[in-house]
Each structure stands twice: as structure tokens, then as C-alpha cells.
Amino acid sequence: MTWHTYSFGPFYDPDRIGFGPIVTYDEHLLRNGEGFDTHHHAGVTILTWPLSGEVTHTDSTGTTATVAPGQLGVFASGDGVDHSEVASAAGTRFIQAWISGSTGDPTYAVRDVAAREGEWTEAVRLEQGTLWIGHVGSSGPAEITLPDARLRHLHVASGALLRSGMAEPLAAGDAYEITADEGAESTPFTISAGVPTELLLWCFE
């Protein structure tokens, strides 16, 4: 099962084709052994964040690696590479973002991300922008303030956010898109959670 945030394949909406350099942002739920057979990529960096289970990546450079919760898979497709992705555990659920602008030789790396309660942890910094992981609400109602950026994409990976001045409460799978005009300062704001909540925040200048 897959949920698409932006247009993908036959699911096309001309008003929803991406956000900044994000060209694809999906959430997948797979059984053990399910996944995506060998296919080609070029020009994008693909970030894989498992919420449960494991995802095994294999590509035509000879690389095979498995990414699990608490880790980020960073796949730079560069000038072109073939790869496959398969769930290697039952109930594998993961978020995946494709960021445009990858060039050069393809690479794959698994990064350990030690997120801390009430803070933003830098998961990866690309030329195009930075992905932050946030945890909040594990000890009861709490707030966290977003870093400044011209474009911000905030996704509730698990848990829920309380009502704020911006929108209705958000549950797992919901997201904000926050945009500041070119040359203008970004608007600082704080979000609140009353239950354990994991957040993925992309910041682009």
C-alpha cells in the first residue's frame, strides 16, 4: 500500500507536482518480500526513513544495504543507476522522499540518527536543503519550534499535533507546507503535541 503526497505515475494533479526540490514524497506499507523490482533512477537523491520493519536496497554498483528504524537510507542516483528495494521484515512501513539535483557517481549510505526528545536532529544535509527529525510529547504535552527556512515541509510521521494558529490538528501522515516570499524572512512558529510524536522537517532556502 502506498500513499502519495504529490503526483506520481497515473496519480496526477497539475497543482500537486512537488514542493521546492521535492519531486516525490510517499509512505509505503509492505509485507516481507514485497517491494520494487529493479528499475532505473538518475538525477535524484532518494531518502528512506523506516517507521517499522526493514528496507533492503540493492543496486547495479554492487551495493546492498538494509535500513531500519532510527536509520536513514541516502541514495544518490547521480548520473544513473539501477536499483531495487524490498521489505525484509514483516509490517515494513517507511517514508520516502525524492530530491531533485543529484549528479555524478551513484552512492548509497545508511546513517544512524539519534533523535532527542524536544529537539531537532539533523538527519542529512544536502546541497538542496536539510532534513531534520524531531521528537516531542513523549513526557506529556510539549512544544517544539521549527528552524527558519524559506520553504519548510513538516510531516507527522507518527503521533499527532494539537491545534495551532495555522491549521486544524494533524495526525500521522498529515503535513504542512510553509512558504515565505523570496527575500522575506520566514515566519517563526511553535507546534504542540500531547502524545509521543515523530516529525520529519525539510528546510530549503
N, C-alpha and C. Protein backbone atom coordinates (compact mmCIF):
# COMPACT_ATOMS: atom_id res chain seq x y z
N MET A 1 0.85 -1.19 0.00
CA MET A 1 0.00 0.00 0.00
C MET A 1 0.89 1.24 0.00
N THR A 2 0.51 2.22 -0.82
CA THR A 2 1.30 3.45 -0.94
C THR A 2 0.38 4.67 -0.88
N TRP A 3 0.84 5.70 -0.15
CA TRP A 3 0.16 7.00 -0.10
C TRP A 3 1.08 8.03 -0.76
N HIS A 4 0.57 8.74 -1.77
CA HIS A 4 1.35 9.73 -2.50
C HIS A 4 0.97 11.14 -2.02
N THR A 5 1.98 11.95 -1.68
CA THR A 5 1.74 13.35 -1.36
C THR A 5 1.62 14.19 -2.62
N TYR A 6 2.45 13.87 -3.61
CA TYR A 6 2.46 14.62 -4.87
C TYR A 6 2.18 13.69 -6.04
N SER A 7 1.95 14.27 -7.21
CA SER A 7 1.64 13.49 -8.40
C SER A 7 2.71 12.43 -8.64
N PHE A 8 2.24 11.22 -8.97
CA PHE A 8 3.17 10.12 -9.23
C PHE A 8 2.48 9.13 -10.16
N GLY A 9 3.15 8.83 -11.30
CA GLY A 9 2.59 7.88 -12.26
C GLY A 9 1.19 8.29 -12.69
N PRO A 10 0.21 7.37 -12.58
CA PRO A 10 -1.15 7.69 -13.02
C PRO A 10 -1.88 8.63 -12.07
N PHE A 11 -1.32 8.86 -10.87
CA PHE A 11 -1.95 9.75 -9.89
C PHE A 11 -1.44 11.17 -10.14
N TYR A 12 -2.13 11.90 -11.03
CA TYR A 12 -1.61 13.19 -11.48
C TYR A 12 -2.57 14.32 -11.12
N ASP A 13 -1.99 15.34 -10.49
CA ASP A 13 -2.71 16.57 -10.19
C ASP A 13 -1.78 17.72 -10.57
N PRO A 14 -2.11 18.52 -11.57
CA PRO A 14 -1.20 19.59 -12.01
C PRO A 14 -0.89 20.61 -10.93
N ASP A 15 -1.72 20.69 -9.90
CA ASP A 15 -1.47 21.62 -8.80
C ASP A 15 -0.65 21.00 -7.68
N ARG A 16 -0.31 19.70 -7.82
CA ARG A 16 0.42 18.99 -6.76
C ARG A 16 1.52 18.14 -7.40
N ILE A 17 2.55 18.83 -7.94
CA ILE A 17 3.63 18.08 -8.62
C ILE A 17 4.93 18.09 -7.82
N GLY A 18 4.95 18.76 -6.68
CA GLY A 18 6.15 18.79 -5.85
C GLY A 18 6.17 20.02 -4.98
N PHE A 19 7.26 20.15 -4.22
CA PHE A 19 7.43 21.29 -3.32
C PHE A 19 8.91 21.60 -3.25
N GLY A 20 9.31 22.77 -3.78
CA GLY A 20 10.74 23.06 -3.87
C GLY A 20 11.42 21.95 -4.66
N PRO A 21 12.55 21.40 -4.17
CA PRO A 21 13.22 20.31 -4.87
C PRO A 21 12.61 18.94 -4.59
N ILE A 22 11.56 18.85 -3.73
CA ILE A 22 10.90 17.56 -3.51
C ILE A 22 10.04 17.24 -4.73
N VAL A 23 10.33 16.12 -5.39
CA VAL A 23 9.53 15.72 -6.55
C VAL A 23 8.64 14.52 -6.23
N THR A 24 8.97 13.78 -5.18
CA THR A 24 8.14 12.66 -4.74
C THR A 24 8.23 12.57 -3.22
N TYR A 25 7.08 12.33 -2.58
CA TYR A 25 7.05 12.14 -1.13
C TYR A 25 5.97 11.13 -0.83
N ASP A 26 6.37 9.91 -0.49
CA ASP A 26 5.44 8.79 -0.34
C ASP A 26 5.59 8.12 1.01
N GLU A 27 4.54 7.41 1.41
CA GLU A 27 4.61 6.49 2.54
C GLU A 27 4.16 5.11 2.05
N HIS A 28 4.94 4.08 2.41
CA HIS A 28 4.69 2.73 1.92
C HIS A 28 4.49 1.78 3.10
N LEU A 29 3.58 0.81 2.93
CA LEU A 29 3.38 -0.28 3.87
C LEU A 29 3.46 -1.58 3.09
N LEU A 30 4.48 -2.41 3.41
CA LEU A 30 4.76 -3.62 2.64
C LEU A 30 4.87 -4.84 3.55
N ARG A 31 4.48 -5.99 2.99
CA ARG A 31 4.74 -7.26 3.66
C ARG A 31 6.17 -7.70 3.38
N ASN A 32 6.69 -8.60 4.20
CA ASN A 32 8.02 -9.14 4.00
C ASN A 32 8.14 -9.73 2.58
N GLY A 33 9.17 -9.29 1.85
CA GLY A 33 9.39 -9.77 0.50
C GLY A 33 8.76 -8.92 -0.58
N GLU A 34 7.84 -8.03 -0.21
CA GLU A 34 7.24 -7.12 -1.19
C GLU A 34 8.17 -5.93 -1.44
N GLY A 35 7.99 -5.28 -2.57
CA GLY A 35 8.79 -4.10 -2.84
C GLY A 35 8.80 -3.72 -4.29
N PHE A 36 9.91 -3.15 -4.72
CA PHE A 36 10.02 -2.57 -6.05
C PHE A 36 11.18 -3.25 -6.78
N ASP A 37 10.84 -3.97 -7.86
CA ASP A 37 11.85 -4.67 -8.62
C ASP A 37 12.83 -3.69 -9.25
N THR A 38 13.92 -4.22 -9.82
CA THR A 38 14.98 -3.38 -10.38
C THR A 38 14.43 -2.39 -11.39
N HIS A 39 14.79 -1.12 -11.20
CA HIS A 39 14.38 -0.03 -12.08
C HIS A 39 15.46 1.04 -12.07
N HIS A 40 15.34 2.01 -12.95
CA HIS A 40 16.41 2.99 -13.16
C HIS A 40 16.06 4.32 -12.51
N HIS A 41 17.09 4.99 -11.99
CA HIS A 41 16.96 6.36 -11.48
C HIS A 41 18.15 7.18 -11.94
N ALA A 42 17.93 8.48 -12.12
CA ALA A 42 19.00 9.43 -12.38
C ALA A 42 18.52 10.80 -11.92
N GLY A 43 19.46 11.60 -11.39
CA GLY A 43 19.17 13.00 -11.09
C GLY A 43 18.43 13.27 -9.80
N VAL A 44 18.21 12.23 -8.97
CA VAL A 44 17.52 12.45 -7.70
C VAL A 44 18.29 11.79 -6.56
N THR A 45 18.16 12.36 -5.36
CA THR A 45 18.61 11.71 -4.14
C THR A 45 17.36 11.19 -3.43
N ILE A 46 17.37 9.90 -3.09
CA ILE A 46 16.20 9.25 -2.50
C ILE A 46 16.50 8.96 -1.03
N LEU A 47 15.67 9.49 -0.15
CA LEU A 47 15.83 9.34 1.29
C LEU A 47 14.77 8.38 1.81
N THR A 48 15.18 7.34 2.54
CA THR A 48 14.26 6.33 3.06
C THR A 48 14.33 6.33 4.58
N TRP A 49 13.18 6.56 5.24
CA TRP A 49 13.09 6.62 6.69
C TRP A 49 12.09 5.56 7.15
N PRO A 50 12.56 4.39 7.65
CA PRO A 50 11.63 3.35 8.11
C PRO A 50 10.97 3.72 9.43
N LEU A 51 9.68 3.44 9.53
CA LEU A 51 8.94 3.58 10.78
C LEU A 51 8.82 2.24 11.50
N SER A 52 8.84 1.15 10.72
CA SER A 52 8.84 -0.20 11.27
C SER A 52 9.41 -1.14 10.21
N GLY A 53 9.91 -2.30 10.64
CA GLY A 53 10.46 -3.26 9.70
C GLY A 53 11.81 -2.85 9.16
N GLU A 54 12.13 -3.32 7.95
CA GLU A 54 13.41 -3.06 7.31
C GLU A 54 13.22 -2.94 5.80
N VAL A 55 14.06 -2.13 5.17
CA VAL A 55 14.08 -1.99 3.71
C VAL A 55 15.48 -2.33 3.22
N THR A 56 15.57 -3.29 2.29
CA THR A 56 16.87 -3.67 1.73
C THR A 56 17.01 -3.10 0.32
N HIS A 57 18.10 -2.37 0.13
CA HIS A 57 18.44 -1.72 -1.14
C HIS A 57 19.55 -2.51 -1.83
N THR A 58 19.38 -2.75 -3.14
CA THR A 58 20.41 -3.38 -3.96
C THR A 58 20.53 -2.60 -5.25
N ASP A 59 21.75 -2.28 -5.69
CA ASP A 59 21.89 -1.52 -6.94
C ASP A 59 22.98 -2.08 -7.84
N SER A 60 23.06 -1.51 -9.04
CA SER A 60 23.94 -2.04 -10.07
C SER A 60 25.40 -1.70 -9.86
N THR A 61 25.73 -0.95 -8.79
CA THR A 61 27.14 -0.75 -8.44
C THR A 61 27.67 -1.89 -7.58
N GLY A 62 26.78 -2.83 -7.20
CA GLY A 62 27.17 -3.93 -6.33
C GLY A 62 26.86 -3.69 -4.88
N THR A 63 26.22 -2.57 -4.57
CA THR A 63 25.89 -2.22 -3.19
C THR A 63 24.60 -2.90 -2.74
N THR A 64 24.63 -3.49 -1.56
CA THR A 64 23.43 -3.99 -0.88
C THR A 64 23.49 -3.51 0.56
N ALA A 65 22.40 -2.94 1.04
CA ALA A 65 22.36 -2.43 2.41
C ALA A 65 20.93 -2.46 2.91
N THR A 66 20.78 -2.58 4.23
CA THR A 66 19.47 -2.61 4.86
C THR A 66 19.34 -1.46 5.84
N VAL A 67 18.18 -0.79 5.80
CA VAL A 67 17.93 0.35 6.67
C VAL A 67 16.72 0.03 7.55
N ALA A 68 16.81 0.37 8.85
CA ALA A 68 15.80 0.04 9.85
C ALA A 68 15.44 1.30 10.63
N PRO A 69 14.40 1.25 11.48
CA PRO A 69 14.04 2.43 12.28
C PRO A 69 15.22 2.99 13.04
N GLY A 70 15.32 4.33 13.07
CA GLY A 70 16.46 5.00 13.67
C GLY A 70 17.59 5.20 12.69
N GLN A 71 17.40 4.79 11.44
CA GLN A 71 18.40 4.96 10.39
C GLN A 71 17.76 5.62 9.18
N LEU A 72 18.59 6.32 8.42
CA LEU A 72 18.17 6.97 7.18
C LEU A 72 18.98 6.40 6.03
N GLY A 73 18.29 5.90 5.00
CA GLY A 73 18.96 5.47 3.78
C GLY A 73 19.08 6.65 2.83
N VAL A 74 20.32 6.94 2.37
CA VAL A 74 20.59 8.08 1.49
C VAL A 74 21.14 7.54 0.18
N PHE A 75 20.35 7.58 -0.88
CA PHE A 75 20.68 7.01 -2.17
C PHE A 75 20.78 8.13 -3.20
N ALA A 76 22.00 8.50 -3.58
CA ALA A 76 22.22 9.50 -4.63
C ALA A 76 22.33 8.77 -5.96
N SER A 77 21.33 8.92 -6.82
CA SER A 77 21.33 8.19 -8.10
C SER A 77 22.27 8.82 -9.12
N GLY A 78 22.65 10.09 -8.91
CA GLY A 78 23.65 10.74 -9.76
C GLY A 78 23.29 10.69 -11.23
N ASP A 79 24.27 10.29 -12.05
CA ASP A 79 24.07 10.28 -13.50
C ASP A 79 23.33 9.04 -13.98
N GLY A 80 22.99 8.12 -13.05
CA GLY A 80 22.17 6.99 -13.43
C GLY A 80 22.60 5.69 -12.79
N VAL A 81 21.63 4.89 -12.34
CA VAL A 81 21.91 3.61 -11.68
C VAL A 81 20.60 2.82 -11.63
N ASP A 82 20.71 1.49 -11.66
CA ASP A 82 19.55 0.62 -11.47
C ASP A 82 19.54 0.15 -10.02
N HIS A 83 18.35 0.01 -9.44
CA HIS A 83 18.28 -0.49 -8.06
C HIS A 83 16.93 -1.13 -7.80
N SER A 84 16.86 -1.89 -6.71
CA SER A 84 15.61 -2.46 -6.22
C SER A 84 15.50 -2.17 -4.73
N GLU A 85 14.27 -2.20 -4.23
CA GLU A 85 14.00 -2.02 -2.80
C GLU A 85 12.96 -3.04 -2.38
N VAL A 86 13.27 -3.80 -1.33
CA VAL A 86 12.38 -4.86 -0.89
C VAL A 86 12.26 -4.81 0.62
N ALA A 87 11.03 -5.00 1.14
CA ALA A 87 10.84 -5.13 2.57
C ALA A 87 11.46 -6.44 3.04
N SER A 88 12.32 -6.38 4.04
CA SER A 88 12.99 -7.58 4.54
C SER A 88 12.55 -7.92 5.96
N ALA A 89 11.35 -7.45 6.34
CA ALA A 89 10.74 -7.80 7.62
C ALA A 89 9.23 -7.59 7.47
N ALA A 90 8.46 -8.28 8.32
CA ALA A 90 7.01 -8.14 8.27
C ALA A 90 6.60 -6.74 8.70
N GLY A 91 5.51 -6.23 8.11
CA GLY A 91 4.97 -4.94 8.51
C GLY A 91 5.93 -3.79 8.32
N THR A 92 6.62 -3.77 7.17
CA THR A 92 7.58 -2.70 6.90
C THR A 92 6.84 -1.45 6.42
N ARG A 93 7.02 -0.38 7.16
CA ARG A 93 6.40 0.90 6.83
C ARG A 93 7.50 1.95 6.78
N PHE A 94 7.53 2.72 5.68
CA PHE A 94 8.59 3.71 5.56
C PHE A 94 8.13 4.90 4.75
N ILE A 95 8.80 6.02 5.02
CA ILE A 95 8.59 7.27 4.29
C ILE A 95 9.75 7.45 3.34
N GLN A 96 9.44 7.91 2.12
CA GLN A 96 10.49 8.11 1.14
C GLN A 96 10.28 9.43 0.41
N ALA A 97 11.37 10.19 0.30
CA ALA A 97 11.35 11.46 -0.43
C ALA A 97 12.39 11.42 -1.53
N TRP A 98 12.03 11.94 -2.70
CA TRP A 98 12.97 12.10 -3.82
C TRP A 98 13.27 13.59 -3.96
N ILE A 99 14.56 13.93 -3.92
CA ILE A 99 15.00 15.32 -4.01
C ILE A 99 15.78 15.49 -5.31
N SER A 100 15.36 16.43 -6.15
CA SER A 100 15.99 16.62 -7.46
C SER A 100 17.37 17.26 -7.31
N GLY A 101 18.24 17.02 -8.32
CA GLY A 101 19.52 17.71 -8.37
C GLY A 101 20.74 16.86 -8.12
N SER A 102 20.62 15.53 -8.13
CA SER A 102 21.78 14.65 -7.90
C SER A 102 22.59 14.48 -9.19
N THR A 103 23.91 14.62 -9.10
CA THR A 103 24.79 14.41 -10.25
C THR A 103 26.01 13.61 -9.81
N GLY A 104 26.76 13.09 -10.80
CA GLY A 104 27.99 12.37 -10.50
C GLY A 104 27.76 10.88 -10.32
N ASP A 105 28.71 10.22 -9.65
CA ASP A 105 28.62 8.78 -9.43
C ASP A 105 27.55 8.46 -8.40
N PRO A 106 26.79 7.38 -8.62
CA PRO A 106 25.78 7.00 -7.63
C PRO A 106 26.42 6.49 -6.34
N THR A 107 25.77 6.77 -5.21
CA THR A 107 26.25 6.30 -3.90
C THR A 107 25.05 5.90 -3.05
N TYR A 108 25.32 5.05 -2.07
CA TYR A 108 24.29 4.69 -1.09
C TYR A 108 24.93 4.64 0.29
N ALA A 109 24.27 5.22 1.28
CA ALA A 109 24.79 5.21 2.65
C ALA A 109 23.64 5.06 3.63
N VAL A 110 23.91 4.41 4.76
CA VAL A 110 22.96 4.30 5.86
C VAL A 110 23.49 5.15 7.00
N ARG A 111 22.67 6.10 7.47
CA ARG A 111 23.06 7.00 8.55
C ARG A 111 22.25 6.67 9.80
N ASP A 112 22.93 6.51 10.94
CA ASP A 112 22.25 6.37 12.22
C ASP A 112 21.82 7.76 12.69
N VAL A 113 20.57 7.88 13.12
CA VAL A 113 20.03 9.16 13.56
C VAL A 113 19.54 9.02 14.99
N ALA A 114 20.25 9.63 15.91
CA ALA A 114 19.91 9.55 17.33
C ALA A 114 19.08 10.78 17.71
N ALA A 115 17.78 10.70 17.45
CA ALA A 115 16.89 11.82 17.74
C ALA A 115 16.70 11.98 19.24
N ARG A 116 16.58 13.22 19.71
CA ARG A 116 16.44 13.54 21.12
C ARG A 116 15.10 14.22 21.37
N GLU A 117 14.49 13.88 22.49
CA GLU A 117 13.19 14.42 22.84
C GLU A 117 13.26 15.95 22.95
N GLY A 118 12.31 16.63 22.31
CA GLY A 118 12.20 18.07 22.40
C GLY A 118 13.20 18.84 21.56
N GLU A 119 13.94 18.14 20.67
CA GLU A 119 14.95 18.79 19.85
C GLU A 119 14.82 18.33 18.40
N TRP A 120 15.44 19.12 17.52
CA TRP A 120 15.58 18.73 16.12
C TRP A 120 16.97 18.13 15.92
N THR A 121 17.04 16.98 15.28
CA THR A 121 18.29 16.31 14.98
C THR A 121 18.51 16.34 13.47
N GLU A 122 19.68 16.81 13.05
CA GLU A 122 19.98 16.86 11.61
C GLU A 122 20.23 15.44 11.11
N ALA A 123 19.36 14.96 10.21
CA ALA A 123 19.49 13.62 9.66
C ALA A 123 20.41 13.61 8.45
N VAL A 124 20.27 14.62 7.58
CA VAL A 124 21.14 14.72 6.42
C VAL A 124 21.09 16.16 5.92
N ARG A 125 22.25 16.65 5.44
CA ARG A 125 22.32 17.97 4.82
C ARG A 125 22.77 17.77 3.38
N LEU A 126 21.89 18.11 2.44
CA LEU A 126 22.19 18.06 1.02
C LEU A 126 22.45 19.47 0.50
N GLU A 127 22.95 19.56 -0.72
CA GLU A 127 23.13 20.88 -1.33
C GLU A 127 21.79 21.61 -1.42
N GLN A 128 20.71 20.87 -1.64
CA GLN A 128 19.40 21.49 -1.83
C GLN A 128 18.72 21.88 -0.52
N GLY A 129 19.05 21.21 0.57
CA GLY A 129 18.39 21.51 1.84
C GLY A 129 18.73 20.49 2.90
N THR A 130 18.05 20.60 4.04
CA THR A 130 18.36 19.78 5.21
C THR A 130 17.11 19.06 5.69
N LEU A 131 17.28 17.78 6.06
CA LEU A 131 16.20 17.02 6.68
C LEU A 131 16.48 16.92 8.18
N TRP A 132 15.50 17.36 8.98
CA TRP A 132 15.57 17.30 10.43
C TRP A 132 14.55 16.28 10.94
N ILE A 133 14.91 15.55 12.01
CA ILE A 133 13.99 14.65 12.69
C ILE A 133 13.70 15.23 14.06
N GLY A 134 12.43 15.30 14.43
CA GLY A 134 12.05 15.83 15.73
C GLY A 134 11.19 14.86 16.51
N HIS A 135 11.39 14.81 17.82
CA HIS A 135 10.56 14.02 18.72
C HIS A 135 10.02 14.95 19.80
N VAL A 136 8.72 14.84 20.07
CA VAL A 136 8.11 15.72 21.06
C VAL A 136 6.89 15.01 21.65
N GLY A 137 6.57 15.30 22.91
CA GLY A 137 5.36 14.79 23.54
C GLY A 137 5.52 13.47 24.27
N SER A 138 6.73 12.92 24.33
CA SER A 138 6.90 11.62 24.99
C SER A 138 6.67 11.68 26.49
N SER A 139 6.86 12.87 27.08
CA SER A 139 6.67 13.02 28.52
C SER A 139 5.42 13.83 28.86
N GLY A 140 4.51 13.92 27.90
CA GLY A 140 3.30 14.71 28.09
C GLY A 140 3.29 15.90 27.15
N PRO A 141 2.27 16.76 27.22
CA PRO A 141 2.16 17.89 26.30
C PRO A 141 3.44 18.72 26.27
N ALA A 142 3.89 19.03 25.05
CA ALA A 142 5.15 19.77 24.89
C ALA A 142 5.13 20.51 23.56
N GLU A 143 6.06 21.46 23.44
CA GLU A 143 6.15 22.27 22.23
C GLU A 143 7.55 22.15 21.63
N ILE A 144 7.63 22.43 20.33
CA ILE A 144 8.92 22.49 19.63
C ILE A 144 8.81 23.56 18.55
N THR A 145 9.86 24.35 18.40
CA THR A 145 9.87 25.45 17.43
C THR A 145 10.62 25.03 16.18
N LEU A 146 10.06 25.34 15.02
CA LEU A 146 10.68 24.95 13.76
C LEU A 146 11.87 25.84 13.44
N PRO A 147 12.96 25.28 12.88
CA PRO A 147 14.06 26.10 12.38
C PRO A 147 13.55 27.02 11.25
N ASP A 148 14.26 28.13 11.06
CA ASP A 148 13.90 29.06 10.00
C ASP A 148 14.32 28.52 8.64
N ALA A 149 13.52 28.77 7.62
CA ALA A 149 13.86 28.46 6.23
C ALA A 149 12.79 29.09 5.35
N ARG A 150 13.14 29.34 4.08
CA ARG A 150 12.17 29.94 3.16
C ARG A 150 11.07 28.95 2.82
N LEU A 151 11.45 27.66 2.60
CA LEU A 151 10.48 26.60 2.33
C LEU A 151 10.63 25.53 3.40
N ARG A 152 9.51 25.15 4.02
CA ARG A 152 9.54 24.10 5.03
C ARG A 152 8.41 23.11 4.77
N HIS A 153 8.76 21.83 4.80
CA HIS A 153 7.79 20.75 4.64
C HIS A 153 7.82 19.93 5.91
N LEU A 154 6.75 19.98 6.71
CA LEU A 154 6.69 19.31 8.01
C LEU A 154 5.71 18.16 7.91
N HIS A 155 6.18 16.94 8.17
CA HIS A 155 5.37 15.74 8.05
C HIS A 155 5.27 15.06 9.41
N VAL A 156 4.06 14.71 9.81
CA VAL A 156 3.83 13.97 11.05
C VAL A 156 4.01 12.48 10.73
N ALA A 157 5.14 11.92 11.12
CA ALA A 157 5.42 10.52 10.82
C ALA A 157 4.63 9.59 11.74
N SER A 158 4.50 9.96 13.01
CA SER A 158 3.70 9.20 13.96
C SER A 158 3.22 10.14 15.05
N GLY A 159 2.18 9.73 15.76
CA GLY A 159 1.63 10.59 16.79
C GLY A 159 0.66 11.60 16.21
N ALA A 160 0.62 12.80 16.79
CA ALA A 160 -0.32 13.84 16.35
C ALA A 160 0.10 15.18 16.91
N LEU A 161 -0.27 16.24 16.20
CA LEU A 161 -0.06 17.60 16.67
C LEU A 161 -1.39 18.20 17.11
N LEU A 162 -1.32 19.06 18.12
CA LEU A 162 -2.51 19.76 18.60
C LEU A 162 -2.82 20.94 17.69
N ARG A 163 -4.00 21.49 17.86
CA ARG A 163 -4.40 22.66 17.08
C ARG A 163 -3.41 23.80 17.31
N SER A 164 -3.07 24.53 16.23
CA SER A 164 -2.20 25.70 16.35
C SER A 164 -2.89 26.87 15.67
N GLY A 165 -2.18 28.00 15.59
CA GLY A 165 -2.73 29.14 14.90
C GLY A 165 -2.77 28.97 13.39
N MET A 166 -2.13 27.88 12.87
CA MET A 166 -2.02 27.70 11.43
C MET A 166 -3.10 26.81 10.85
N ALA A 167 -3.51 25.77 11.59
CA ALA A 167 -4.37 24.77 10.96
C ALA A 167 -5.05 23.93 12.02
N GLU A 168 -5.89 23.02 11.53
CA GLU A 168 -6.53 22.05 12.40
C GLU A 168 -5.47 21.08 12.93
N PRO A 169 -5.81 20.29 13.96
CA PRO A 169 -4.86 19.28 14.44
C PRO A 169 -4.43 18.34 13.32
N LEU A 170 -3.20 17.87 13.39
CA LEU A 170 -2.68 16.96 12.37
C LEU A 170 -2.42 15.60 12.99
N ALA A 171 -2.75 14.53 12.24
CA ALA A 171 -2.48 13.16 12.67
C ALA A 171 -1.37 12.58 11.81
N ALA A 172 -0.94 11.36 12.15
CA ALA A 172 0.12 10.69 11.40
C ALA A 172 -0.24 10.64 9.91
N GLY A 173 0.71 11.03 9.07
CA GLY A 173 0.50 11.08 7.63
C GLY A 173 0.16 12.45 7.10
N ASP A 174 -0.24 13.38 7.99
CA ASP A 174 -0.56 14.75 7.57
C ASP A 174 0.71 15.59 7.51
N ALA A 175 0.62 16.73 6.80
CA ALA A 175 1.80 17.59 6.64
C ALA A 175 1.39 19.04 6.47
N TYR A 176 2.34 19.94 6.80
CA TYR A 176 2.26 21.36 6.46
C TYR A 176 3.23 21.63 5.32
N GLU A 177 2.89 22.57 4.45
CA GLU A 177 3.84 23.23 3.55
C GLU A 177 3.89 24.69 3.94
N ILE A 178 5.07 25.18 4.25
CA ILE A 178 5.23 26.55 4.75
C ILE A 178 6.16 27.30 3.81
N THR A 179 5.67 28.39 3.24
CA THR A 179 6.43 29.12 2.23
C THR A 179 6.54 30.59 2.61
N ALA A 180 7.76 31.13 2.51
CA ALA A 180 7.99 32.57 2.68
C ALA A 180 8.33 33.16 1.32
N ASP A 181 7.92 34.39 1.07
CA ASP A 181 8.23 35.04 -0.20
C ASP A 181 9.73 35.18 -0.37
N GLU A 182 10.19 35.17 -1.62
CA GLU A 182 11.61 35.35 -1.94
C GLU A 182 12.12 36.63 -1.30
N GLY A 183 13.20 36.53 -0.52
CA GLY A 183 13.80 37.68 0.12
C GLY A 183 13.17 38.05 1.44
N ALA A 184 12.02 37.44 1.77
CA ALA A 184 11.36 37.75 3.04
C ALA A 184 11.84 36.81 4.14
N GLU A 185 11.75 37.27 5.38
CA GLU A 185 12.11 36.41 6.49
C GLU A 185 11.03 35.35 6.71
N SER A 186 11.45 34.14 7.06
CA SER A 186 10.48 33.09 7.36
C SER A 186 9.78 33.41 8.67
N THR A 187 8.55 32.92 8.79
CA THR A 187 7.76 33.18 9.98
C THR A 187 8.07 32.13 11.04
N PRO A 188 8.57 32.53 12.21
CA PRO A 188 8.83 31.55 13.26
C PRO A 188 7.51 31.07 13.85
N PHE A 189 7.42 29.78 14.14
CA PHE A 189 6.25 29.31 14.86
C PHE A 189 6.57 28.03 15.61
N THR A 190 5.74 27.77 16.60
CA THR A 190 5.92 26.63 17.50
C THR A 190 4.72 25.71 17.37
N ILE A 191 4.99 24.40 17.37
CA ILE A 191 3.92 23.42 17.29
C ILE A 191 3.87 22.63 18.59
N SER A 192 2.71 22.01 18.86
CA SER A 192 2.49 21.32 20.13
C SER A 192 2.01 19.91 19.89
N ALA A 193 2.44 19.00 20.77
CA ALA A 193 1.98 17.61 20.73
C ALA A 193 1.62 17.17 22.14
N GLY A 194 0.56 16.36 22.26
CA GLY A 194 0.15 15.85 23.55
C GLY A 194 0.41 14.37 23.71
N VAL A 195 0.89 13.73 22.63
CA VAL A 195 1.25 12.31 22.65
C VAL A 195 2.62 12.16 22.00
N PRO A 196 3.32 11.03 22.20
CA PRO A 196 4.62 10.86 21.54
C PRO A 196 4.49 11.02 20.03
N THR A 197 5.26 11.94 19.46
CA THR A 197 5.12 12.33 18.05
C THR A 197 6.49 12.44 17.40
N GLU A 198 6.61 11.82 16.22
CA GLU A 198 7.84 11.93 15.44
C GLU A 198 7.56 12.78 14.21
N LEU A 199 8.45 13.72 13.95
CA LEU A 199 8.28 14.69 12.87
C LEU A 199 9.45 14.66 11.91
N LEU A 200 9.16 14.78 10.61
CA LEU A 200 10.19 14.96 9.58
C LEU A 200 10.02 16.35 9.01
N LEU A 201 11.09 17.14 9.03
CA LEU A 201 11.03 18.52 8.58
C LEU A 201 12.11 18.77 7.54
N TRP A 202 11.68 19.09 6.32
CA TRP A 202 12.61 19.52 5.26
C TRP A 202 12.68 21.04 5.26
N CYS A 203 13.90 21.60 5.21
CA CYS A 203 14.11 23.04 5.13
C CYS A 203 14.92 23.36 3.88
N PHE A 204 14.39 24.26 3.05
CA PHE A 204 15.04 24.69 1.81
C PHE A 204 15.12 26.21 1.78
N GLU A 205 16.26 26.73 1.32
CA GLU A 205 16.41 28.19 1.18
C GLU A 205 15.99 28.63 -0.21
